[in-house]
Every structure is written in structure tokens, then in C-alpha cells.
Amino acid sequence: NNGDKTNNGGYFLVTSFSRKSLHQTGDGHFSPIAAYHEPTDSCLVLDVARFKYTPYWVPLHELYNAMVPVDLATQKSRGWVLMSPPARNRKINERSMTNE
């Protein structure tokens, strides 16, 4: 897996971006990224506001540009974070799966 943690169970990527930059209503927003499609250089955004936006593909350069605007609350640009469950929870889950 060459150190790519996104292929390991439990890891996921979340992005913070400006909806305005993607021509959507609202502004600051967080959503997980479900997939990357190399031939089109696009990411699949699983919008957490499912009532408003279904999952959609966005070109990577557009998503990057949507992370650049400064957030008024923090005075910093937005970005992304690679998340995983705490190590303690992983050990508990592994132990409970082996005991079943």
C-alpha cells in the first residue's frame, strides 16, 4: 500500500472549503472526500448537507481553490485533514472482532 493511509480501514479525508468558490449557496463548509478519480483529476465530495446537495464530483484544482479563501472567524485559509479513530478504539474494535 506504499504508506497510503487512505487505503487502510478507518482513515478518511475531510475538507473545509468555501461553497461560494464552487458556485453553491452558503460559504464555509466541511465534507468528507470519498474518492479520487485520476483520469479526470476529480474528487467525490460526500456533502454532509444531503438535503441540499447529493454527492458530487469536483475537479481537484477547483476544490483546492475553494480551500484558499480566508475564513472570517479564524483569519486563516481552509484546508483538509486526514482523520482516523483513536488508537485505543482500534484496539478495542480489533479485540471484539476476534472474540466473535
PDB file of N, CA and C in Angstrom:
ATOM      1  N   ASN A   1       0.812  -1.188   0.000  1.00  0.00           N
ATOM      2  CA  ASN A   1       0.000   0.000   0.000  1.00  0.00           C
ATOM      3  C   ASN A   1       0.855   1.251   0.000  1.00  0.00           C
ATOM      4  N   ASN A   2       2.173   1.126   0.033  1.00  0.00           N
ATOM      5  CA  ASN A   2       3.116   2.230  -0.131  1.00  0.00           C
ATOM      6  C   ASN A   2       2.895   3.370   0.854  1.00  0.00           C
ATOM      7  N   GLY A   3       2.378   3.075   2.048  1.00  0.00           N
ATOM      8  CA  GLY A   3       2.182   4.111   3.043  1.00  0.00           C
ATOM      9  C   GLY A   3       0.947   4.960   2.833  1.00  0.00           C
ATOM     10  N   ASP A   4       0.117   4.624   1.867  1.00  0.00           N
ATOM     11  CA  ASP A   4      -1.099   5.392   1.603  1.00  0.00           C
ATOM     12  C   ASP A   4      -2.158   5.026   2.637  1.00  0.00           C
ATOM     13  N   LYS A   5      -2.326   5.859   3.646  1.00  0.00           N
ATOM     14  CA  LYS A   5      -3.241   5.558   4.739  1.00  0.00           C
ATOM     15  C   LYS A   5      -4.692   5.596   4.301  1.00  0.00           C
ATOM     16  N   THR A   6      -5.001   6.239   3.185  1.00  0.00           N
ATOM     17  CA  THR A   6      -6.390   6.305   2.746  1.00  0.00           C
ATOM     18  C   THR A   6      -6.910   4.940   2.330  1.00  0.00           C
ATOM     19  N   ASN A   7      -6.028   3.977   2.072  1.00  0.00           N
ATOM     20  CA  ASN A   7      -6.457   2.628   1.715  1.00  0.00           C
ATOM     21  C   ASN A   7      -6.624   1.746   2.942  1.00  0.00           C
ATOM     22  N   ASN A   8      -6.200   2.215   4.098  1.00  0.00           N
ATOM     23  CA  ASN A   8      -6.330   1.450   5.338  1.00  0.00           C
ATOM     24  C   ASN A   8      -7.698   1.712   5.940  1.00  0.00           C
ATOM     25  N   GLY A   9      -8.301   0.698   6.503  1.00  0.00           N
ATOM     26  CA  GLY A   9      -9.611   0.864   7.117  1.00  0.00           C
ATOM     27  C   GLY A   9      -9.592   1.913   8.210  1.00  0.00           C
ATOM     28  N   GLY A  10     -10.617   2.736   8.250  1.00  0.00           N
ATOM     29  CA  GLY A  10     -10.764   3.717   9.306  1.00  0.00           C
ATOM     30  C   GLY A  10     -10.253   5.107   8.994  1.00  0.00           C
ATOM     31  N   TYR A  11      -9.407   5.277   8.029  1.00  0.00           N
ATOM     32  CA  TYR A  11      -8.905   6.606   7.692  1.00  0.00           C
ATOM     33  C   TYR A  11      -9.827   7.263   6.678  1.00  0.00           C
ATOM     34  N   PHE A  12     -10.024   8.574   6.830  1.00  0.00           N
ATOM     35  CA  PHE A  12     -10.798   9.297   5.828  1.00  0.00           C
ATOM     36  C   PHE A  12     -10.348  10.752   5.768  1.00  0.00           C
ATOM     37  N   LEU A  13     -10.595  11.366   4.622  1.00  0.00           N
ATOM     38  CA  LEU A  13     -10.178  12.731   4.342  1.00  0.00           C
ATOM     39  C   LEU A  13     -11.379  13.652   4.441  1.00  0.00           C
ATOM     40  N   VAL A  14     -11.221  14.752   5.171  1.00  0.00           N
ATOM     41  CA  VAL A  14     -12.273  15.758   5.296  1.00  0.00           C
ATOM     42  C   VAL A  14     -11.702  17.079   4.803  1.00  0.00           C
ATOM     43  N   THR A  15     -12.497  17.804   4.029  1.00  0.00           N
ATOM     44  CA  THR A  15     -12.051  19.092   3.537  1.00  0.00           C
ATOM     45  C   THR A  15     -12.938  20.201   4.070  1.00  0.00           C
ATOM     46  N   SER A  16     -12.329  21.342   4.324  1.00  0.00           N
ATOM     47  CA  SER A  16     -13.035  22.555   4.706  1.00  0.00           C
ATOM     48  C   SER A  16     -12.876  23.499   3.524  1.00  0.00           C
ATOM     49  N   PHE A  17     -13.995  23.958   2.988  1.00  0.00           N
ATOM     50  CA  PHE A  17     -13.928  24.764   1.774  1.00  0.00           C
ATOM     51  C   PHE A  17     -15.013  25.817   1.746  1.00  0.00           C
ATOM     52  N   SER A  18     -14.858  26.764   0.838  1.00  0.00           N
ATOM     53  CA  SER A  18     -15.841  27.819   0.629  1.00  0.00           C
ATOM     54  C   SER A  18     -16.827  27.352  -0.434  1.00  0.00           C
ATOM     55  N   ARG A  19     -18.093  27.232  -0.051  1.00  0.00           N
ATOM     56  CA  ARG A  19     -19.122  26.858  -1.027  1.00  0.00           C
ATOM     57  C   ARG A  19     -19.223  27.891  -2.148  1.00  0.00           C
ATOM     58  N   LYS A  20     -19.035  29.168  -1.792  1.00  0.00           N
ATOM     59  CA  LYS A  20     -19.127  30.240  -2.799  1.00  0.00           C
ATOM     60  C   LYS A  20     -18.162  29.978  -3.954  1.00  0.00           C
ATOM     61  N   SER A  21     -16.986  29.482  -3.624  1.00  0.00           N
ATOM     62  CA  SER A  21     -15.976  29.216  -4.658  1.00  0.00           C
ATOM     63  C   SER A  21     -16.411  28.123  -5.630  1.00  0.00           C
ATOM     64  N   LEU A  22     -17.351  27.264  -5.185  1.00  0.00           N
ATOM     65  CA  LEU A  22     -17.860  26.188  -6.043  1.00  0.00           C
ATOM     66  C   LEU A  22     -19.245  26.536  -6.600  1.00  0.00           C
ATOM     67  N   HIS A  23     -19.603  27.838  -6.503  1.00  0.00           N
ATOM     68  CA  HIS A  23     -20.880  28.341  -7.031  1.00  0.00           C
ATOM     69  C   HIS A  23     -22.070  27.677  -6.353  1.00  0.00           C
ATOM     70  N   GLN A  24     -21.954  27.470  -5.031  1.00  0.00           N
ATOM     71  CA  GLN A  24     -23.034  26.908  -4.226  1.00  0.00           C
ATOM     72  C   GLN A  24     -23.494  27.972  -3.235  1.00  0.00           C
ATOM     73  N   THR A  25     -24.654  27.742  -2.618  1.00  0.00           N
ATOM     74  CA  THR A  25     -25.138  28.690  -1.617  1.00  0.00           C
ATOM     75  C   THR A  25     -24.409  28.461  -0.297  1.00  0.00           C
ATOM     76  N   GLY A  26     -24.283  29.526   0.474  1.00  0.00           N
ATOM     77  CA  GLY A  26     -23.559  29.440   1.730  1.00  0.00           C
ATOM     78  C   GLY A  26     -22.087  29.738   1.519  1.00  0.00           C
ATOM     79  N   ASP A  27     -21.296  29.487   2.562  1.00  0.00           N
ATOM     80  CA  ASP A  27     -19.860  29.742   2.427  1.00  0.00           C
ATOM     81  C   ASP A  27     -19.050  28.630   3.075  1.00  0.00           C
ATOM     82  N   GLY A  28     -18.545  28.797   4.282  1.00  0.00           N
ATOM     83  CA  GLY A  28     -17.686  27.793   4.909  1.00  0.00           C
ATOM     84  C   GLY A  28     -18.405  26.472   5.132  1.00  0.00           C
ATOM     85  N   HIS A  29     -17.713  25.374   4.811  1.00  0.00           N
ATOM     86  CA  HIS A  29     -18.353  24.062   4.880  1.00  0.00           C
ATOM     87  C   HIS A  29     -17.304  22.967   5.056  1.00  0.00           C
ATOM     88  N   PHE A  30     -17.686  21.885   5.727  1.00  0.00           N
ATOM     89  CA  PHE A  30     -16.859  20.687   5.881  1.00  0.00           C
ATOM     90  C   PHE A  30     -17.578  19.517   5.228  1.00  0.00           C
ATOM     91  N   SER A  31     -16.855  18.676   4.507  1.00  0.00           N
ATOM     92  CA  SER A  31     -17.415  17.440   3.954  1.00  0.00           C
ATOM     93  C   SER A  31     -16.302  16.426   3.735  1.00  0.00           C
ATOM     94  N   PRO A  32     -16.630  15.139   3.873  1.00  0.00           N
ATOM     95  CA  PRO A  32     -15.633  14.101   3.596  1.00  0.00           C
ATOM     96  C   PRO A  32     -15.441  13.902   2.095  1.00  0.00           C
ATOM     97  N   ILE A  33     -14.245  13.466   1.747  1.00  0.00           N
ATOM     98  CA  ILE A  33     -13.916  13.120   0.363  1.00  0.00           C
ATOM     99  C   ILE A  33     -13.951  11.604   0.273  1.00  0.00           C
ATOM    100  N   ALA A  34     -14.776  11.083  -0.629  1.00  0.00           N
ATOM    101  CA  ALA A  34     -14.982   9.636  -0.722  1.00  0.00           C
ATOM    102  C   ALA A  34     -14.050   8.957  -1.708  1.00  0.00           C
ATOM    103  N   ALA A  35     -13.624   9.677  -2.748  1.00  0.00           N
ATOM    104  CA  ALA A  35     -12.827   9.020  -3.788  1.00  0.00           C
ATOM    105  C   ALA A  35     -12.064  10.055  -4.599  1.00  0.00           C
ATOM    106  N   TYR A  36     -11.039   9.576  -5.256  1.00  0.00           N
ATOM    107  CA  TYR A  36     -10.284  10.372  -6.224  1.00  0.00           C
ATOM    108  C   TYR A  36     -10.294   9.614  -7.540  1.00  0.00           C
ATOM    109  N   HIS A  37     -10.623  10.311  -8.626  1.00  0.00           N
ATOM    110  CA  HIS A  37     -10.658   9.711  -9.959  1.00  0.00           C
ATOM    111  C   HIS A  37      -9.509  10.303 -10.769  1.00  0.00           C
ATOM    112  N   GLU A  38      -8.434   9.526 -10.904  1.00  0.00           N
ATOM    113  CA  GLU A  38      -7.220  10.022 -11.545  1.00  0.00           C
ATOM    114  C   GLU A  38      -7.427  10.464 -12.996  1.00  0.00           C
ATOM    115  N   PRO A  39      -8.165   9.711 -13.841  1.00  0.00           N
ATOM    116  CA  PRO A  39      -8.315  10.148 -15.239  1.00  0.00           C
ATOM    117  C   PRO A  39      -8.911  11.552 -15.395  1.00  0.00           C
ATOM    118  N   THR A  40      -9.797  11.952 -14.476  1.00  0.00           N
ATOM    119  CA  THR A  40     -10.392  13.290 -14.571  1.00  0.00           C
ATOM    120  C   THR A  40      -9.827  14.246 -13.527  1.00  0.00           C
ATOM    121  N   ASP A  41      -8.912  13.756 -12.682  1.00  0.00           N
ATOM    122  CA  ASP A  41      -8.314  14.548 -11.607  1.00  0.00           C
ATOM    123  C   ASP A  41      -9.410  15.204 -10.769  1.00  0.00           C
ATOM    124  N   SER A  42     -10.389  14.385 -10.346  1.00  0.00           N
ATOM    125  CA  SER A  42     -11.551  14.871  -9.603  1.00  0.00           C
ATOM    126  C   SER A  42     -11.726  14.111  -8.297  1.00  0.00           C
ATOM    127  N   CYS A  43     -12.380  14.783  -7.342  1.00  0.00           N
ATOM    128  CA  CYS A  43     -12.699  14.187  -6.046  1.00  0.00           C
ATOM    129  C   CYS A  43     -14.210  14.064  -5.903  1.00  0.00           C
ATOM    130  N   LEU A  44     -14.635  12.998  -5.234  1.00  0.00           N
ATOM    131  CA  LEU A  44     -16.044  12.800  -4.934  1.00  0.00           C
ATOM    132  C   LEU A  44     -16.304  13.347  -3.532  1.00  0.00           C
ATOM    133  N   VAL A  45     -17.111  14.400  -3.463  1.00  0.00           N
ATOM    134  CA  VAL A  45     -17.460  15.038  -2.198  1.00  0.00           C
ATOM    135  C   VAL A  45     -18.772  14.440  -1.708  1.00  0.00           C
ATOM    136  N   LEU A  46     -18.747  13.893  -0.485  1.00  0.00           N
ATOM    137  CA  LEU A  46     -19.971  13.389   0.136  1.00  0.00           C
ATOM    138  C   LEU A  46     -20.510  14.502   1.023  1.00  0.00           C
ATOM    139  N   ASP A  47     -21.278  15.362   0.424  1.00  0.00           N
ATOM    140  CA  ASP A  47     -21.765  16.533   1.148  1.00  0.00           C
ATOM    141  C   ASP A  47     -22.581  16.112   2.356  1.00  0.00           C
ATOM    142  N   VAL A  48     -22.269  16.686   3.515  1.00  0.00           N
ATOM    143  CA  VAL A  48     -22.985  16.336   4.737  1.00  0.00           C
ATOM    144  C   VAL A  48     -24.367  16.985   4.789  1.00  0.00           C
ATOM    145  N   ALA A  49     -24.613  17.972   3.950  1.00  0.00           N
ATOM    146  CA  ALA A  49     -25.936  18.590   3.835  1.00  0.00           C
ATOM    147  C   ALA A  49     -26.688  17.874   2.712  1.00  0.00           C
ATOM    148  N   ARG A  50     -26.997  16.600   2.949  1.00  0.00           N
ATOM    149  CA  ARG A  50     -27.603  15.766   1.905  1.00  0.00           C
ATOM    150  C   ARG A  50     -28.951  16.282   1.445  1.00  0.00           C
ATOM    151  N   PHE A  51     -29.643  17.013   2.301  1.00  0.00           N
ATOM    152  CA  PHE A  51     -30.934  17.587   1.912  1.00  0.00           C
ATOM    153  C   PHE A  51     -30.760  18.641   0.834  1.00  0.00           C
ATOM    154  N   LYS A  52     -29.553  19.192   0.732  1.00  0.00           N
ATOM    155  CA  LYS A  52     -29.272  20.296  -0.181  1.00  0.00           C
ATOM    156  C   LYS A  52     -28.458  19.861  -1.399  1.00  0.00           C
ATOM    157  N   TYR A  53     -27.447  19.024  -1.172  1.00  0.00           N
ATOM    158  CA  TYR A  53     -26.548  18.587  -2.244  1.00  0.00           C
ATOM    159  C   TYR A  53     -26.308  17.087  -2.146  1.00  0.00           C
ATOM    160  N   THR A  54     -26.537  16.389  -3.229  1.00  0.00           N
ATOM    161  CA  THR A  54     -26.189  14.978  -3.298  1.00  0.00           C
ATOM    162  C   THR A  54     -24.672  14.881  -3.502  1.00  0.00           C
ATOM    163  N   PRO A  55     -24.078  13.699  -3.341  1.00  0.00           N
ATOM    164  CA  PRO A  55     -22.634  13.579  -3.621  1.00  0.00           C
ATOM    165  C   PRO A  55     -22.319  14.086  -5.033  1.00  0.00           C
ATOM    166  N   TYR A  56     -21.179  14.733  -5.173  1.00  0.00           N
ATOM    167  CA  TYR A  56     -20.812  15.301  -6.479  1.00  0.00           C
ATOM    168  C   TYR A  56     -19.305  15.221  -6.694  1.00  0.00           C
ATOM    169  N   TRP A  57     -18.933  15.189  -7.971  1.00  0.00           N
ATOM    170  CA  TRP A  57     -17.523  15.197  -8.371  1.00  0.00           C
ATOM    171  C   TRP A  57     -17.111  16.640  -8.620  1.00  0.00           C
ATOM    172  N   VAL A  58     -15.923  16.991  -8.168  1.00  0.00           N
ATOM    173  CA  VAL A  58     -15.383  18.323  -8.395  1.00  0.00           C
ATOM    174  C   VAL A  58     -13.921  18.178  -8.817  1.00  0.00           C
ATOM    175  N   PRO A  59     -13.509  18.909  -9.864  1.00  0.00           N
ATOM    176  CA  PRO A  59     -12.095  18.856 -10.254  1.00  0.00           C
ATOM    177  C   PRO A  59     -11.198  19.273  -9.085  1.00  0.00           C
ATOM    178  N   LEU A  60     -10.099  18.586  -8.934  1.00  0.00           N
ATOM    179  CA  LEU A  60      -9.198  18.821  -7.806  1.00  0.00           C
ATOM    180  C   LEU A  60      -8.753  20.279  -7.729  1.00  0.00           C
ATOM    181  N   HIS A  61      -8.440  20.901  -8.859  1.00  0.00           N
ATOM    182  CA  HIS A  61      -7.985  22.296  -8.820  1.00  0.00           C
ATOM    183  C   HIS A  61      -9.096  23.229  -8.326  1.00  0.00           C
ATOM    184  N   GLU A  62     -10.362  22.912  -8.615  1.00  0.00           N
ATOM    185  CA  GLU A  62     -11.463  23.733  -8.119  1.00  0.00           C
ATOM    186  C   GLU A  62     -11.642  23.543  -6.612  1.00  0.00           C
ATOM    187  N   LEU A  63     -11.500  22.304  -6.141  1.00  0.00           N
ATOM    188  CA  LEU A  63     -11.606  22.051  -4.706  1.00  0.00           C
ATOM    189  C   LEU A  63     -10.463  22.750  -3.975  1.00  0.00           C
ATOM    190  N   TYR A  64      -9.273  22.668  -4.522  1.00  0.00           N
ATOM    191  CA  TYR A  64      -8.132  23.366  -3.912  1.00  0.00           C
ATOM    192  C   TYR A  64      -8.408  24.864  -3.827  1.00  0.00           C
ATOM    193  N   ASN A  65      -8.872  25.454  -4.927  1.00  0.00           N
ATOM    194  CA  ASN A  65      -9.165  26.888  -4.942  1.00  0.00           C
ATOM    195  C   ASN A  65     -10.266  27.253  -3.948  1.00  0.00           C
ATOM    196  N   ALA A  66     -11.175  26.320  -3.665  1.00  0.00           N
ATOM    197  CA  ALA A  66     -12.239  26.562  -2.693  1.00  0.00           C
ATOM    198  C   ALA A  66     -11.713  26.497  -1.256  1.00  0.00           C
ATOM    199  N   MET A  67     -10.515  25.934  -1.056  1.00  0.00           N
ATOM    200  CA  MET A  67      -9.916  25.879   0.279  1.00  0.00           C
ATOM    201  C   MET A  67      -9.062  27.111   0.567  1.00  0.00           C
ATOM    202  N   VAL A  68      -8.769  27.911  -0.447  1.00  0.00           N
ATOM    203  CA  VAL A  68      -7.863  29.050  -0.300  1.00  0.00           C
ATOM    204  C   VAL A  68      -8.479  30.270   0.383  1.00  0.00           C
ATOM    205  N   PRO A  69      -9.753  30.622   0.148  1.00  0.00           N
ATOM    206  CA  PRO A  69     -10.287  31.844   0.767  1.00  0.00           C
ATOM    207  C   PRO A  69     -10.160  31.841   2.288  1.00  0.00           C
ATOM    208  N   VAL A  70      -9.892  33.016   2.845  1.00  0.00           N
ATOM    209  CA  VAL A  70      -9.704  33.159   4.281  1.00  0.00           C
ATOM    210  C   VAL A  70     -11.058  33.084   4.988  1.00  0.00           C
ATOM    211  N   ASP A  71     -11.092  32.272   6.037  1.00  0.00           N
ATOM    212  CA  ASP A  71     -12.273  32.154   6.892  1.00  0.00           C
ATOM    213  C   ASP A  71     -12.310  33.376   7.806  1.00  0.00           C
ATOM    214  N   LEU A  72     -13.445  34.053   7.863  1.00  0.00           N
ATOM    215  CA  LEU A  72     -13.542  35.272   8.659  1.00  0.00           C
ATOM    216  C   LEU A  72     -13.361  35.018  10.156  1.00  0.00           C
ATOM    217  N   ALA A  73     -13.783  33.860  10.643  1.00  0.00           N
ATOM    218  CA  ALA A  73     -13.674  33.557  12.076  1.00  0.00           C
ATOM    219  C   ALA A  73     -12.234  33.289  12.509  1.00  0.00           C
ATOM    220  N   THR A  74     -11.463  32.584  11.687  1.00  0.00           N
ATOM    221  CA  THR A  74     -10.102  32.199  12.076  1.00  0.00           C
ATOM    222  C   THR A  74      -9.022  33.072  11.444  1.00  0.00           C
ATOM    223  N   GLN A  75      -9.401  33.821  10.414  1.00  0.00           N
ATOM    224  CA  GLN A  75      -8.452  34.627   9.640  1.00  0.00           C
ATOM    225  C   GLN A  75      -7.375  33.764   8.986  1.00  0.00           C
ATOM    226  N   LYS A  76      -7.739  32.509   8.701  1.00  0.00           N
ATOM    227  CA  LYS A  76      -6.840  31.577   8.018  1.00  0.00           C
ATOM    228  C   LYS A  76      -7.587  30.940   6.857  1.00  0.00           C
ATOM    229  N   SER A  77      -6.832  30.459   5.900  1.00  0.00           N
ATOM    230  CA  SER A  77      -7.473  29.744   4.800  1.00  0.00           C
ATOM    231  C   SER A  77      -7.967  28.396   5.293  1.00  0.00           C
ATOM    232  N   ARG A  78      -8.835  27.802   4.516  1.00  0.00           N
ATOM    233  CA  ARG A  78      -9.382  26.498   4.880  1.00  0.00           C
ATOM    234  C   ARG A  78      -8.384  25.417   4.461  1.00  0.00           C
ATOM    235  N   GLY A  79      -8.794  24.151   4.461  1.00  0.00           N
ATOM    236  CA  GLY A  79      -7.845  23.097   4.094  1.00  0.00           C
ATOM    237  C   GLY A  79      -8.471  21.735   4.205  1.00  0.00           C
ATOM    238  N   TRP A  80      -7.652  20.751   4.591  1.00  0.00           N
ATOM    239  CA  TRP A  80      -8.119  19.366   4.704  1.00  0.00           C
ATOM    240  C   TRP A  80      -7.427  18.715   5.887  1.00  0.00           C
ATOM    241  N   VAL A  81      -8.014  17.602   6.322  1.00  0.00           N
ATOM    242  CA  VAL A  81      -7.408  16.838   7.415  1.00  0.00           C
ATOM    243  C   VAL A  81      -7.655  15.352   7.144  1.00  0.00           C
ATOM    244  N   LEU A  82      -6.634  14.546   7.389  1.00  0.00           N
ATOM    245  CA  LEU A  82      -6.759  13.092   7.297  1.00  0.00           C
ATOM    246  C   LEU A  82      -7.104  12.606   8.694  1.00  0.00           C
ATOM    247  N   MET A  83      -8.245  11.982   8.841  1.00  0.00           N
ATOM    248  CA  MET A  83      -8.741  11.587  10.159  1.00  0.00           C
ATOM    249  C   MET A  83      -8.733  10.076  10.316  1.00  0.00           C
ATOM    250  N   SER A  84      -8.630   9.659  11.570  1.00  0.00           N
ATOM    251  CA  SER A  84      -8.717   8.239  11.906  1.00  0.00           C
ATOM    252  C   SER A  84      -9.248   8.127  13.317  1.00  0.00           C
ATOM    253  N   PRO A  85      -9.786   6.980  13.658  1.00  0.00           N
ATOM    254  CA  PRO A  85     -10.240   6.802  15.041  1.00  0.00           C
ATOM    255  C   PRO A  85      -9.027   6.748  15.969  1.00  0.00           C
ATOM    256  N   PRO A  86      -9.220   7.070  17.250  1.00  0.00           N
ATOM    257  CA  PRO A  86      -8.105   6.964  18.201  1.00  0.00           C
ATOM    258  C   PRO A  86      -7.572   5.536  18.241  1.00  0.00           C
ATOM    259  N   ALA A  87      -6.283   5.376  18.480  1.00  0.00           N
ATOM    260  CA  ALA A  87      -5.640   4.051  18.501  1.00  0.00           C
ATOM    261  C   ALA A  87      -6.300   3.141  19.521  1.00  0.00           C
ATOM    262  N   ARG A  88      -6.702   3.664  20.643  1.00  0.00           N
ATOM    263  CA  ARG A  88      -7.339   2.856  21.684  1.00  0.00           C
ATOM    264  C   ARG A  88      -8.613   2.199  21.144  1.00  0.00           C
ATOM    265  N   ASN A  89      -9.412   2.967  20.415  1.00  0.00           N
ATOM    266  CA  ASN A  89     -10.648   2.419  19.858  1.00  0.00           C
ATOM    267  C   ASN A  89     -10.360   1.335  18.825  1.00  0.00           C
ATOM    268  N   ARG A  90      -9.311   1.504  18.051  1.00  0.00           N
ATOM    269  CA  ARG A  90      -8.964   0.482  17.063  1.00  0.00           C
ATOM    270  C   ARG A  90      -8.622  -0.829  17.748  1.00  0.00           C
ATOM    271  N   LYS A  91      -7.884  -0.775  18.869  1.00  0.00           N
ATOM    272  CA  LYS A  91      -7.524  -1.998  19.587  1.00  0.00           C
ATOM    273  C   LYS A  91      -8.762  -2.665  20.167  1.00  0.00           C
ATOM    274  N   ILE A  92      -9.676  -1.873  20.699  1.00  0.00           N
ATOM    275  CA  ILE A  92     -10.922  -2.429  21.230  1.00  0.00           C
ATOM    276  C   ILE A  92     -11.711  -3.094  20.123  1.00  0.00           C
ATOM    277  N   ASN A  93     -11.818  -2.423  18.976  1.00  0.00           N
ATOM    278  CA  ASN A  93     -12.562  -2.979  17.844  1.00  0.00           C
ATOM    279  C   ASN A  93     -11.918  -4.258  17.325  1.00  0.00           C
ATOM    280  N   GLU A  94     -10.594  -4.283  17.247  1.00  0.00           N
ATOM    281  CA  GLU A  94      -9.903  -5.479  16.775  1.00  0.00           C
ATOM    282  C   GLU A  94     -10.133  -6.638  17.728  1.00  0.00           C
ATOM    283  N   ARG A  95     -10.075  -6.371  19.034  1.00  0.00           N
ATOM    284  CA  ARG A  95     -10.272  -7.408  20.036  1.00  0.00           C
ATOM    285  C   ARG A  95     -11.713  -7.920  19.971  1.00  0.00           C
ATOM    286  N   SER A  96     -12.700  -7.049  19.843  1.00  0.00           N
ATOM    287  CA  SER A  96     -14.086  -7.503  19.823  1.00  0.00           C
ATOM    288  C   SER A  96     -14.371  -8.289  18.554  1.00  0.00           C
ATOM    289  N   MET A  97     -13.710  -7.981  17.461  1.00  0.00           N
ATOM    290  CA  MET A  97     -13.932  -8.711  16.213  1.00  0.00           C
ATOM    291  C   MET A  97     -13.326 -10.116  16.301  1.00  0.00           C
ATOM    292  N   THR A  98     -12.214 -10.260  17.024  1.00  0.00           N
ATOM    293  CA  THR A  98     -11.588 -11.583  17.123  1.00  0.00           C
ATOM    294  C   THR A  98     -12.311 -12.468  18.128  1.00  0.00           C
ATOM    295  N   ASN A  99     -13.073 -11.882  19.035  1.00  0.00           N
ATOM    296  CA  ASN A  99     -13.808 -12.653  20.029  1.00  0.00           C
ATOM    297  C   ASN A  99     -15.184 -13.097  19.548  1.00  0.00           C
ATOM    298  N   GLU A 100     -15.609 -12.653  18.401  1.00  0.00           N
ATOM    299  CA  GLU A 100     -16.948 -13.024  17.911  1.00  0.00           C
ATOM    300  C   GLU A 100     -16.983 -14.403  17.321  1.00  0.00           C
TER     301      GLU A 100
END
